[in-house]
Amino acid sequence: MNNKMNVICPSCGAEFNKNLSQCPYCGNSNYYGQEKSYMKGLAGLRQRLAELADINKKIIVEEAVKVLVLVLAVVIILVAAIFSVKAIDRHNESIAVNNIRKEIIDGR
């Protein structure tokens, strides 16, 4: 064994890189390489989960903004409708008062 990065397979005696998860010649497991591969995959999974959490927060904020805008639009429409109805009532009342005044002035 010339290099510190190599191991000798206990099954077939071949020399291979210790970072490999198994012997490339006979397929015997290399626990150091398997652990290293597993930890690398686990780190990638953790990062993807963290990114997913950020994406979920972003989606929740976007949906909350959409709902807020919709609620505000409905409130504005309701307020406008109420003021319109009141304005129409005042106009109709004004017409009725003017008609009564006209009748009084005309002497009926």
PDB file of N, CA and C in Angstrom:
ATOM      1  N   MET A   1       0.862  -1.164   0.000  1.00  0.00           N
ATOM      2  CA  MET A   1       0.000   0.000   0.000  1.00  0.00           C
ATOM      3  C   MET A   1       0.908   1.226   0.000  1.00  0.00           C
ATOM      4  N   ASN A   2       0.983   1.913  -1.125  1.00  0.00           N
ATOM      5  CA  ASN A   2       1.889   3.038  -1.296  1.00  0.00           C
ATOM      6  C   ASN A   2       1.282   4.357  -0.853  1.00  0.00           C
ATOM      7  N   ASN A   3       0.010   4.502  -1.012  1.00  0.00           N
ATOM      8  CA  ASN A   3      -0.646   5.784  -0.777  1.00  0.00           C
ATOM      9  C   ASN A   3      -1.551   5.690   0.446  1.00  0.00           C
ATOM     10  N   LYS A   4      -1.583   6.759   1.258  1.00  0.00           N
ATOM     11  CA  LYS A   4      -2.427   6.767   2.454  1.00  0.00           C
ATOM     12  C   LYS A   4      -3.916   6.839   2.110  1.00  0.00           C
ATOM     13  N   MET A   5      -4.244   7.254   0.888  1.00  0.00           N
ATOM     14  CA  MET A   5      -5.641   7.368   0.473  1.00  0.00           C
ATOM     15  C   MET A   5      -6.185   6.037  -0.053  1.00  0.00           C
ATOM     16  N   ASN A   6      -5.381   5.005  -0.057  1.00  0.00           N
ATOM     17  CA  ASN A   6      -5.805   3.709  -0.566  1.00  0.00           C
ATOM     18  C   ASN A   6      -5.977   2.716   0.567  1.00  0.00           C
ATOM     19  N   VAL A   7      -6.840   1.735   0.345  1.00  0.00           N
ATOM     20  CA  VAL A   7      -7.031   0.632   1.284  1.00  0.00           C
ATOM     21  C   VAL A   7      -6.900  -0.669   0.500  1.00  0.00           C
ATOM     22  N   ILE A   8      -6.691  -1.737   1.235  1.00  0.00           N
ATOM     23  CA  ILE A   8      -6.632  -3.064   0.615  1.00  0.00           C
ATOM     24  C   ILE A   8      -7.918  -3.790   0.967  1.00  0.00           C
ATOM     25  N   CYS A   9      -8.552  -4.328  -0.037  1.00  0.00           N
ATOM     26  CA  CYS A   9      -9.813  -5.044   0.151  1.00  0.00           C
ATOM     27  C   CYS A   9      -9.551  -6.321   0.948  1.00  0.00           C
ATOM     28  N   PRO A  10     -10.294  -6.538   2.052  1.00  0.00           N
ATOM     29  CA  PRO A  10     -10.088  -7.757   2.839  1.00  0.00           C
ATOM     30  C   PRO A  10     -10.598  -9.009   2.114  1.00  0.00           C
ATOM     31  N   SER A  11     -11.423  -8.809   1.109  1.00  0.00           N
ATOM     32  CA  SER A  11     -11.997  -9.949   0.407  1.00  0.00           C
ATOM     33  C   SER A  11     -11.108 -10.440  -0.733  1.00  0.00           C
ATOM     34  N   CYS A  12     -10.664  -9.503  -1.619  1.00  0.00           N
ATOM     35  CA  CYS A  12      -9.897  -9.920  -2.798  1.00  0.00           C
ATOM     36  C   CYS A  12      -8.450  -9.450  -2.773  1.00  0.00           C
ATOM     37  N   GLY A  13      -8.091  -8.561  -1.851  1.00  0.00           N
ATOM     38  CA  GLY A  13      -6.720  -8.091  -1.730  1.00  0.00           C
ATOM     39  C   GLY A  13      -6.350  -6.962  -2.675  1.00  0.00           C
ATOM     40  N   ALA A  14      -7.309  -6.443  -3.414  1.00  0.00           N
ATOM     41  CA  ALA A  14      -7.030  -5.351  -4.354  1.00  0.00           C
ATOM     42  C   ALA A  14      -6.882  -4.033  -3.601  1.00  0.00           C
ATOM     43  N   GLU A  15      -6.066  -3.152  -4.146  1.00  0.00           N
ATOM     44  CA  GLU A  15      -5.863  -1.829  -3.559  1.00  0.00           C
ATOM     45  C   GLU A  15      -6.755  -0.829  -4.307  1.00  0.00           C
ATOM     46  N   PHE A  16      -7.494  -0.011  -3.532  1.00  0.00           N
ATOM     47  CA  PHE A  16      -8.375   0.988  -4.159  1.00  0.00           C
ATOM     48  C   PHE A  16      -8.514   2.200  -3.245  1.00  0.00           C
ATOM     49  N   ASN A  17      -9.063   3.275  -3.775  1.00  0.00           N
ATOM     50  CA  ASN A  17      -9.236   4.534  -3.042  1.00  0.00           C
ATOM     51  C   ASN A  17     -10.178   4.310  -1.865  1.00  0.00           C
ATOM     52  N   LYS A  18      -9.773   4.784  -0.689  1.00  0.00           N
ATOM     53  CA  LYS A  18     -10.585   4.537   0.513  1.00  0.00           C
ATOM     54  C   LYS A  18     -11.899   5.325   0.517  1.00  0.00           C
ATOM     55  N   ASN A  19     -12.056   6.319  -0.362  1.00  0.00           N
ATOM     56  CA  ASN A  19     -13.304   7.081  -0.434  1.00  0.00           C
ATOM     57  C   ASN A  19     -14.390   6.363  -1.232  1.00  0.00           C
ATOM     58  N   LEU A  20     -14.029   5.279  -1.931  1.00  0.00           N
ATOM     59  CA  LEU A  20     -15.030   4.499  -2.668  1.00  0.00           C
ATOM     60  C   LEU A  20     -15.870   3.697  -1.682  1.00  0.00           C
ATOM     61  N   SER A  21     -17.158   3.559  -1.954  1.00  0.00           N
ATOM     62  CA  SER A  21     -18.042   2.866  -1.020  1.00  0.00           C
ATOM     63  C   SER A  21     -17.892   1.348  -1.087  1.00  0.00           C
ATOM     64  N   GLN A  22     -17.322   0.837  -2.193  1.00  0.00           N
ATOM     65  CA  GLN A  22     -17.091  -0.606  -2.294  1.00  0.00           C
ATOM     66  C   GLN A  22     -15.891  -0.881  -3.190  1.00  0.00           C
ATOM     67  N   CYS A  23     -15.367  -2.052  -3.068  1.00  0.00           N
ATOM     68  CA  CYS A  23     -14.223  -2.456  -3.886  1.00  0.00           C
ATOM     69  C   CYS A  23     -14.662  -2.513  -5.348  1.00  0.00           C
ATOM     70  N   PRO A  24     -13.951  -1.837  -6.247  1.00  0.00           N
ATOM     71  CA  PRO A  24     -14.350  -1.844  -7.652  1.00  0.00           C
ATOM     72  C   PRO A  24     -14.125  -3.196  -8.331  1.00  0.00           C
ATOM     73  N   TYR A  25     -13.397  -4.105  -7.676  1.00  0.00           N
ATOM     74  CA  TYR A  25     -13.077  -5.400  -8.285  1.00  0.00           C
ATOM     75  C   TYR A  25     -14.042  -6.498  -7.847  1.00  0.00           C
ATOM     76  N   CYS A  26     -14.328  -6.548  -6.539  1.00  0.00           N
ATOM     77  CA  CYS A  26     -15.194  -7.640  -6.069  1.00  0.00           C
ATOM     78  C   CYS A  26     -16.512  -7.149  -5.476  1.00  0.00           C
ATOM     79  N   GLY A  27     -16.654  -5.842  -5.230  1.00  0.00           N
ATOM     80  CA  GLY A  27     -17.898  -5.294  -4.696  1.00  0.00           C
ATOM     81  C   GLY A  27     -18.015  -5.360  -3.188  1.00  0.00           C
ATOM     82  N   ASN A  28     -16.967  -5.773  -2.495  1.00  0.00           N
ATOM     83  CA  ASN A  28     -16.991  -5.833  -1.039  1.00  0.00           C
ATOM     84  C   ASN A  28     -17.152  -4.419  -0.467  1.00  0.00           C
ATOM     85  N   SER A  29     -17.920  -4.289   0.594  1.00  0.00           N
ATOM     86  CA  SER A  29     -18.208  -2.982   1.190  1.00  0.00           C
ATOM     87  C   SER A  29     -16.976  -2.363   1.823  1.00  0.00           C
ATOM     88  N   ASN A  30     -16.848  -1.060   1.637  1.00  0.00           N
ATOM     89  CA  ASN A  30     -15.815  -0.268   2.302  1.00  0.00           C
ATOM     90  C   ASN A  30     -16.565   0.708   3.203  1.00  0.00           C
ATOM     91  N   TYR A  31     -16.587   0.446   4.495  1.00  0.00           N
ATOM     92  CA  TYR A  31     -17.429   1.207   5.410  1.00  0.00           C
ATOM     93  C   TYR A  31     -17.046   2.677   5.503  1.00  0.00           C
ATOM     94  N   TYR A  32     -15.755   2.978   5.423  1.00  0.00           N
ATOM     95  CA  TYR A  32     -15.328   4.378   5.455  1.00  0.00           C
ATOM     96  C   TYR A  32     -15.907   5.130   4.258  1.00  0.00           C
ATOM     97  N   GLY A  33     -15.800   4.567   3.087  1.00  0.00           N
ATOM     98  CA  GLY A  33     -16.331   5.199   1.873  1.00  0.00           C
ATOM     99  C   GLY A  33     -17.847   5.293   1.896  1.00  0.00           C
ATOM    100  N   GLN A  34     -18.499   4.238   2.432  1.00  0.00           N
ATOM    101  CA  GLN A  34     -19.960   4.268   2.524  1.00  0.00           C
ATOM    102  C   GLN A  34     -20.426   5.363   3.475  1.00  0.00           C
ATOM    103  N   GLU A  35     -19.742   5.491   4.603  1.00  0.00           N
ATOM    104  CA  GLU A  35     -20.111   6.532   5.561  1.00  0.00           C
ATOM    105  C   GLU A  35     -19.914   7.918   4.954  1.00  0.00           C
ATOM    106  N   LYS A  36     -18.801   8.096   4.264  1.00  0.00           N
ATOM    107  CA  LYS A  36     -18.513   9.384   3.636  1.00  0.00           C
ATOM    108  C   LYS A  36     -19.579   9.716   2.589  1.00  0.00           C
ATOM    109  N   SER A  37     -19.949   8.727   1.787  1.00  0.00           N
ATOM    110  CA  SER A  37     -20.976   8.918   0.763  1.00  0.00           C
ATOM    111  C   SER A  37     -22.329   9.233   1.409  1.00  0.00           C
ATOM    112  N   TYR A  38     -22.654   8.513   2.483  1.00  0.00           N
ATOM    113  CA  TYR A  38     -23.914   8.729   3.192  1.00  0.00           C
ATOM    114  C   TYR A  38     -23.971  10.138   3.782  1.00  0.00           C
ATOM    115  N   MET A  39     -22.893  10.559   4.426  1.00  0.00           N
ATOM    116  CA  MET A  39     -22.864  11.887   5.043  1.00  0.00           C
ATOM    117  C   MET A  39     -22.963  12.988   3.991  1.00  0.00           C
ATOM    118  N   LYS A  40     -22.331  12.778   2.835  1.00  0.00           N
ATOM    119  CA  LYS A  40     -22.419  13.759   1.753  1.00  0.00           C
ATOM    120  C   LYS A  40     -23.863  13.865   1.258  1.00  0.00           C
ATOM    121  N   GLY A  41     -24.516  12.719   1.083  1.00  0.00           N
ATOM    122  CA  GLY A  41     -25.921  12.716   0.663  1.00  0.00           C
ATOM    123  C   GLY A  41     -26.818  13.357   1.709  1.00  0.00           C
ATOM    124  N   LEU A  42     -26.534  13.097   2.978  1.00  0.00           N
ATOM    125  CA  LEU A  42     -27.319  13.670   4.065  1.00  0.00           C
ATOM    126  C   LEU A  42     -27.174  15.188   4.108  1.00  0.00           C
ATOM    127  N   ALA A  43     -25.969  15.680   3.878  1.00  0.00           N
ATOM    128  CA  ALA A  43     -25.749  17.136   3.857  1.00  0.00           C
ATOM    129  C   ALA A  43     -26.533  17.772   2.714  1.00  0.00           C
ATOM    130  N   GLY A  44     -26.536  17.111   1.557  1.00  0.00           N
ATOM    131  CA  GLY A  44     -27.313  17.624   0.424  1.00  0.00           C
ATOM    132  C   GLY A  44     -28.798  17.631   0.728  1.00  0.00           C
ATOM    133  N   LEU A  45     -29.273  16.586   1.395  1.00  0.00           N
ATOM    134  CA  LEU A  45     -30.687  16.508   1.767  1.00  0.00           C
ATOM    135  C   LEU A  45     -31.056  17.616   2.750  1.00  0.00           C
ATOM    136  N   ARG A  46     -30.181  17.863   3.719  1.00  0.00           N
ATOM    137  CA  ARG A  46     -30.434  18.946   4.683  1.00  0.00           C
ATOM    138  C   ARG A  46     -30.534  20.297   3.980  1.00  0.00           C
ATOM    139  N   GLN A  47     -29.646  20.519   3.029  1.00  0.00           N
ATOM    140  CA  GLN A  47     -29.668  21.791   2.304  1.00  0.00           C
ATOM    141  C   GLN A  47     -30.953  21.927   1.491  1.00  0.00           C
ATOM    142  N   ARG A  48     -31.369  20.848   0.832  1.00  0.00           N
ATOM    143  CA  ARG A  48     -32.611  20.909   0.049  1.00  0.00           C
ATOM    144  C   ARG A  48     -33.818  21.146   0.948  1.00  0.00           C
ATOM    145  N   LEU A  49     -33.827  20.544   2.138  1.00  0.00           N
ATOM    146  CA  LEU A  49     -34.925  20.768   3.080  1.00  0.00           C
ATOM    147  C   LEU A  49     -34.955  22.219   3.548  1.00  0.00           C
ATOM    148  N   ALA A  50     -33.784  22.792   3.794  1.00  0.00           N
ATOM    149  CA  ALA A  50     -33.723  24.202   4.202  1.00  0.00           C
ATOM    150  C   ALA A  50     -34.240  25.098   3.084  1.00  0.00           C
ATOM    151  N   GLU A  51     -33.869  24.796   1.844  1.00  0.00           N
ATOM    152  CA  GLU A  51     -34.360  25.580   0.708  1.00  0.00           C
ATOM    153  C   GLU A  51     -35.867  25.433   0.568  1.00  0.00           C
ATOM    154  N   LEU A  52     -36.375  24.217   0.799  1.00  0.00           N
ATOM    155  CA  LEU A  52     -37.813  23.977   0.715  1.00  0.00           C
ATOM    156  C   LEU A  52     -38.553  24.781   1.776  1.00  0.00           C
ATOM    157  N   ALA A  53     -37.987  24.863   2.978  1.00  0.00           N
ATOM    158  CA  ALA A  53     -38.617  25.654   4.038  1.00  0.00           C
ATOM    159  C   ALA A  53     -38.681  27.120   3.633  1.00  0.00           C
ATOM    160  N   ASP A  54     -37.611  27.634   3.021  1.00  0.00           N
ATOM    161  CA  ASP A  54     -37.615  29.024   2.556  1.00  0.00           C
ATOM    162  C   ASP A  54     -38.654  29.230   1.466  1.00  0.00           C
ATOM    163  N   ILE A  55     -38.773  28.270   0.558  1.00  0.00           N
ATOM    164  CA  ILE A  55     -39.763  28.371  -0.520  1.00  0.00           C
ATOM    165  C   ILE A  55     -41.165  28.368   0.067  1.00  0.00           C
ATOM    166  N   ASN A  56     -41.419  27.496   1.065  1.00  0.00           N
ATOM    167  CA  ASN A  56     -42.743  27.445   1.686  1.00  0.00           C
ATOM    168  C   ASN A  56     -43.085  28.771   2.348  1.00  0.00           C
ATOM    169  N   LYS A  57     -42.124  29.394   3.032  1.00  0.00           N
ATOM    170  CA  LYS A  57     -42.373  30.690   3.657  1.00  0.00           C
ATOM    171  C   LYS A  57     -42.704  31.731   2.600  1.00  0.00           C
ATOM    172  N   LYS A  58     -41.985  31.696   1.499  1.00  0.00           N
ATOM    173  CA  LYS A  58     -42.221  32.655   0.419  1.00  0.00           C
ATOM    174  C   LYS A  58     -43.622  32.470  -0.159  1.00  0.00           C
ATOM    175  N   ILE A  59     -44.030  31.224  -0.368  1.00  0.00           N
ATOM    176  CA  ILE A  59     -45.363  30.946  -0.907  1.00  0.00           C
ATOM    177  C   ILE A  59     -46.433  31.415   0.071  1.00  0.00           C
ATOM    178  N   ILE A  60     -46.236  31.178   1.352  1.00  0.00           N
ATOM    179  CA  ILE A  60     -47.215  31.599   2.360  1.00  0.00           C
ATOM    180  C   ILE A  60     -47.353  33.115   2.360  1.00  0.00           C
ATOM    181  N   VAL A  61     -46.233  33.827   2.294  1.00  0.00           N
ATOM    182  CA  VAL A  61     -46.280  35.295   2.269  1.00  0.00           C
ATOM    183  C   VAL A  61     -46.997  35.780   1.012  1.00  0.00           C
ATOM    184  N   GLU A  62     -46.687  35.180  -0.134  1.00  0.00           N
ATOM    185  CA  GLU A  62     -47.339  35.589  -1.385  1.00  0.00           C
ATOM    186  C   GLU A  62     -48.846  35.357  -1.317  1.00  0.00           C
ATOM    187  N   GLU A  63     -49.265  34.218  -0.786  1.00  0.00           N
ATOM    188  CA  GLU A  63     -50.694  33.921  -0.673  1.00  0.00           C
ATOM    189  C   GLU A  63     -51.369  34.864   0.321  1.00  0.00           C
ATOM    190  N   ALA A  64     -50.693  35.181   1.420  1.00  0.00           N
ATOM    191  CA  ALA A  64     -51.260  36.106   2.397  1.00  0.00           C
ATOM    192  C   ALA A  64     -51.455  37.485   1.779  1.00  0.00           C
ATOM    193  N   VAL A  65     -50.501  37.928   0.977  1.00  0.00           N
ATOM    194  CA  VAL A  65     -50.621  39.227   0.304  1.00  0.00           C
ATOM    195  C   VAL A  65     -51.799  39.202  -0.664  1.00  0.00           C
ATOM    196  N   LYS A  66     -51.963  38.108  -1.405  1.00  0.00           N
ATOM    197  CA  LYS A  66     -53.092  37.992  -2.339  1.00  0.00           C
ATOM    198  C   LYS A  66     -54.424  38.080  -1.597  1.00  0.00           C
ATOM    199  N   VAL A  67     -54.531  37.367  -0.481  1.00  0.00           N
ATOM    200  CA  VAL A  67     -55.771  37.390   0.303  1.00  0.00           C
ATOM    201  C   VAL A  67     -56.015  38.784   0.857  1.00  0.00           C
ATOM    202  N   LEU A  68     -54.983  39.437   1.351  1.00  0.00           N
ATOM    203  CA  LEU A  68     -55.120  40.782   1.895  1.00  0.00           C
ATOM    204  C   LEU A  68     -55.591  41.759   0.829  1.00  0.00           C
ATOM    205  N   VAL A  69     -55.011  41.677  -0.358  1.00  0.00           N
ATOM    206  CA  VAL A  69     -55.426  42.554  -1.457  1.00  0.00           C
ATOM    207  C   VAL A  69     -56.883  42.291  -1.816  1.00  0.00           C
ATOM    208  N   LEU A  70     -57.275  41.028  -1.863  1.00  0.00           N
ATOM    209  CA  LEU A  70     -58.662  40.680  -2.179  1.00  0.00           C
ATOM    210  C   LEU A  70     -59.622  41.220  -1.121  1.00  0.00           C
ATOM    211  N   VAL A  71     -59.279  41.065   0.141  1.00  0.00           N
ATOM    212  CA  VAL A  71     -60.136  41.569   1.224  1.00  0.00           C
ATOM    213  C   VAL A  71     -60.246  43.090   1.148  1.00  0.00           C
ATOM    214  N   LEU A  72     -59.130  43.767   0.918  1.00  0.00           N
ATOM    215  CA  LEU A  72     -59.171  45.228   0.801  1.00  0.00           C
ATOM    216  C   LEU A  72     -60.030  45.662  -0.382  1.00  0.00           C
ATOM    217  N   ALA A  73     -59.940  44.952  -1.492  1.00  0.00           N
ATOM    218  CA  ALA A  73     -60.755  45.286  -2.664  1.00  0.00           C
ATOM    219  C   ALA A  73     -62.238  45.128  -2.348  1.00  0.00           C
ATOM    220  N   VAL A  74     -62.600  44.057  -1.656  1.00  0.00           N
ATOM    221  CA  VAL A  74     -64.001  43.837  -1.283  1.00  0.00           C
ATOM    222  C   VAL A  74     -64.479  44.933  -0.343  1.00  0.00           C
ATOM    223  N   VAL A  75     -63.658  45.307   0.628  1.00  0.00           N
ATOM    224  CA  VAL A  75     -64.035  46.374   1.568  1.00  0.00           C
ATOM    225  C   VAL A  75     -64.234  47.691   0.825  1.00  0.00           C
ATOM    226  N   ILE A  76     -63.334  48.012  -0.094  1.00  0.00           N
ATOM    227  CA  ILE A  76     -63.464  49.255  -0.865  1.00  0.00           C
ATOM    228  C   ILE A  76     -64.742  49.244  -1.691  1.00  0.00           C
ATOM    229  N   ILE A  77     -65.049  48.119  -2.314  1.00  0.00           N
ATOM    230  CA  ILE A  77     -66.281  48.016  -3.113  1.00  0.00           C
ATOM    231  C   ILE A  77     -67.511  48.171  -2.226  1.00  0.00           C
ATOM    232  N   LEU A  78     -67.506  47.551  -1.049  1.00  0.00           N
ATOM    233  CA  LEU A  78     -68.649  47.682  -0.133  1.00  0.00           C
ATOM    234  C   LEU A  78     -68.825  49.121   0.341  1.00  0.00           C
ATOM    235  N   VAL A  79     -67.736  49.779   0.690  1.00  0.00           N
ATOM    236  CA  VAL A  79     -67.822  51.176   1.131  1.00  0.00           C
ATOM    237  C   VAL A  79     -68.357  52.048   0.002  1.00  0.00           C
ATOM    238  N   ALA A  80     -67.871  51.833  -1.213  1.00  0.00           N
ATOM    239  CA  ALA A  80     -68.358  52.607  -2.362  1.00  0.00           C
ATOM    240  C   ALA A  80     -69.840  52.348  -2.596  1.00  0.00           C
ATOM    241  N   ALA A  81     -70.277  51.104  -2.449  1.00  0.00           N
ATOM    242  CA  ALA A  81     -71.693  50.778  -2.637  1.00  0.00           C
ATOM    243  C   ALA A  81     -72.551  51.463  -1.576  1.00  0.00           C
ATOM    244  N   ILE A  82     -72.099  51.467  -0.336  1.00  0.00           N
ATOM    245  CA  ILE A  82     -72.864  52.117   0.741  1.00  0.00           C
ATOM    246  C   ILE A  82     -72.992  53.611   0.476  1.00  0.00           C
ATOM    247  N   PHE A  83     -71.883  54.263   0.107  1.00  0.00           N
ATOM    248  CA  PHE A  83     -71.953  55.694  -0.187  1.00  0.00           C
ATOM    249  C   PHE A  83     -72.828  55.976  -1.402  1.00  0.00           C
ATOM    250  N   SER A  84     -72.805  55.104  -2.383  1.00  0.00           N
ATOM    251  CA  SER A  84     -73.655  55.292  -3.566  1.00  0.00           C
ATOM    252  C   SER A  84     -75.123  55.193  -3.199  1.00  0.00           C
ATOM    253  N   VAL A  85     -75.484  54.217  -2.391  1.00  0.00           N
ATOM    254  CA  VAL A  85     -76.881  54.057  -1.968  1.00  0.00           C
ATOM    255  C   VAL A  85     -77.321  55.273  -1.163  1.00  0.00           C
ATOM    256  N   LYS A  86     -76.469  55.751  -0.261  1.00  0.00           N
ATOM    257  CA  LYS A  86     -76.821  56.940   0.524  1.00  0.00           C
ATOM    258  C   LYS A  86     -76.983  58.158  -0.374  1.00  0.00           C
ATOM    259  N   ALA A  87     -76.108  58.311  -1.367  1.00  0.00           N
ATOM    260  CA  ALA A  87     -76.210  59.451  -2.283  1.00  0.00           C
ATOM    261  C   ALA A  87     -77.501  59.379  -3.091  1.00  0.00           C
ATOM    262  N   ILE A  88     -77.860  58.192  -3.535  1.00  0.00           N
ATOM    263  CA  ILE A  88     -79.119  58.028  -4.287  1.00  0.00           C
ATOM    264  C   ILE A  88     -80.306  58.353  -3.392  1.00  0.00           C
ATOM    265  N   ASP A  89     -80.282  57.887  -2.136  1.00  0.00           N
ATOM    266  CA  ASP A  89     -81.368  58.206  -1.199  1.00  0.00           C
ATOM    267  C   ASP A  89     -81.473  59.709  -0.962  1.00  0.00           C
ATOM    268  N   ARG A  90     -80.337  60.383  -0.783  1.00  0.00           N
ATOM    269  CA  ARG A  90     -80.367  61.836  -0.588  1.00  0.00           C
ATOM    270  C   ARG A  90     -80.929  62.535  -1.822  1.00  0.00           C
ATOM    271  N   HIS A  91     -80.544  62.065  -2.985  1.00  0.00           N
ATOM    272  CA  HIS A  91     -81.040  62.664  -4.227  1.00  0.00           C
ATOM    273  C   HIS A  91     -82.555  62.471  -4.336  1.00  0.00           C
ATOM    274  N   ASN A  92     -83.026  61.266  -4.064  1.00  0.00           N
ATOM    275  CA  ASN A  92     -84.473  61.005  -4.125  1.00  0.00           C
ATOM    276  C   ASN A  92     -85.225  61.827  -3.081  1.00  0.00           C
ATOM    277  N   GLU A  93     -84.654  61.966  -1.901  1.00  0.00           N
ATOM    278  CA  GLU A  93     -85.278  62.772  -0.851  1.00  0.00           C
ATOM    279  C   GLU A  93     -85.329  64.240  -1.269  1.00  0.00           C
ATOM    280  N   SER A  94     -84.250  64.711  -1.880  1.00  0.00           N
ATOM    281  CA  SER A  94     -84.205  66.091  -2.362  1.00  0.00           C
ATOM    282  C   SER A  94     -85.273  66.333  -3.422  1.00  0.00           C
ATOM    283  N   ILE A  95     -85.456  65.386  -4.320  1.00  0.00           N
ATOM    284  CA  ILE A  95     -86.499  65.512  -5.352  1.00  0.00           C
ATOM    285  C   ILE A  95     -87.873  65.557  -4.697  1.00  0.00           C
ATOM    286  N   ALA A  96     -88.110  64.699  -3.702  1.00  0.00           N
ATOM    287  CA  ALA A  96     -89.405  64.678  -3.017  1.00  0.00           C
ATOM    288  C   ALA A  96     -89.655  66.001  -2.297  1.00  0.00           C
ATOM    289  N   VAL A  97     -88.648  66.556  -1.630  1.00  0.00           N
ATOM    290  CA  VAL A  97     -88.798  67.839  -0.933  1.00  0.00           C
ATOM    291  C   VAL A  97     -89.084  68.949  -1.937  1.00  0.00           C
ATOM    292  N   ASN A  98     -88.378  68.949  -3.049  1.00  0.00           N
ATOM    293  CA  ASN A  98     -88.621  69.968  -4.081  1.00  0.00           C
ATOM    294  C   ASN A  98     -90.032  69.859  -4.646  1.00  0.00           C
ATOM    295  N   ASN A  99     -90.525  68.645  -4.823  1.00  0.00           N
ATOM    296  CA  ASN A  99     -91.902  68.465  -5.317  1.00  0.00           C
ATOM    297  C   ASN A  99     -92.915  68.994  -4.307  1.00  0.00           C
ATOM    298  N   ILE A 100     -92.672  68.750  -3.019  1.00  0.00           N
ATOM    299  CA  ILE A 100     -93.583  69.256  -1.982  1.00  0.00           C
ATOM    300  C   ILE A 100     -93.545  70.779  -1.960  1.00  0.00           C
ATOM    301  N   ARG A 101     -92.365  71.374  -2.052  1.00  0.00           N
ATOM    302  CA  ARG A 101     -92.252  72.837  -2.094  1.00  0.00           C
ATOM    303  C   ARG A 101     -93.001  73.402  -3.295  1.00  0.00           C
ATOM    304  N   LYS A 102     -92.829  72.736  -4.424  1.00  0.00           N
ATOM    305  CA  LYS A 102     -93.486  73.195  -5.644  1.00  0.00           C
ATOM    306  C   LYS A 102     -95.006  73.157  -5.472  1.00  0.00           C
ATOM    307  N   GLU A 103     -95.521  72.094  -4.838  1.00  0.00           N
ATOM    308  CA  GLU A 103     -96.965  71.974  -4.603  1.00  0.00           C
ATOM    309  C   GLU A 103     -97.447  73.080  -3.663  1.00  0.00           C
ATOM    310  N   ILE A 104     -96.639  73.365  -2.639  1.00  0.00           N
ATOM    311  CA  ILE A 104     -97.026  74.411  -1.683  1.00  0.00           C
ATOM    312  C   ILE A 104     -97.034  75.766  -2.373  1.00  0.00           C
ATOM    313  N   ILE A 105     -96.002  76.022  -3.178  1.00  0.00           N
ATOM    314  CA  ILE A 105     -95.906  77.308  -3.869  1.00  0.00           C
ATOM    315  C   ILE A 105     -97.017  77.455  -4.896  1.00  0.00           C
ATOM    316  N   ASP A 106     -97.337  76.396  -5.599  1.00  0.00           N
ATOM    317  CA  ASP A 106     -98.383  76.445  -6.625  1.00  0.00           C
ATOM    318  C   ASP A 106     -99.772  76.527  -5.996  1.00  0.00           C
ATOM    319  N   GLY A 107     -99.882  76.271  -4.718  1.00  0.00           N
ATOM    320  CA  GLY A 107    -101.129  76.431  -4.006  1.00  0.00           C
ATOM    321  C   GLY A 107    -102.043  75.225  -4.044  1.00  0.00           C
ATOM    322  N   ARG A 108    -101.616  74.166  -4.166  1.00  0.00           N
ATOM    323  CA  ARG A 108    -102.495  72.991  -4.195  1.00  0.00           C
ATOM    324  C   ARG A 108    -102.899  72.579  -2.854  1.00  0.00           C
TER     325      ARG A 108
END
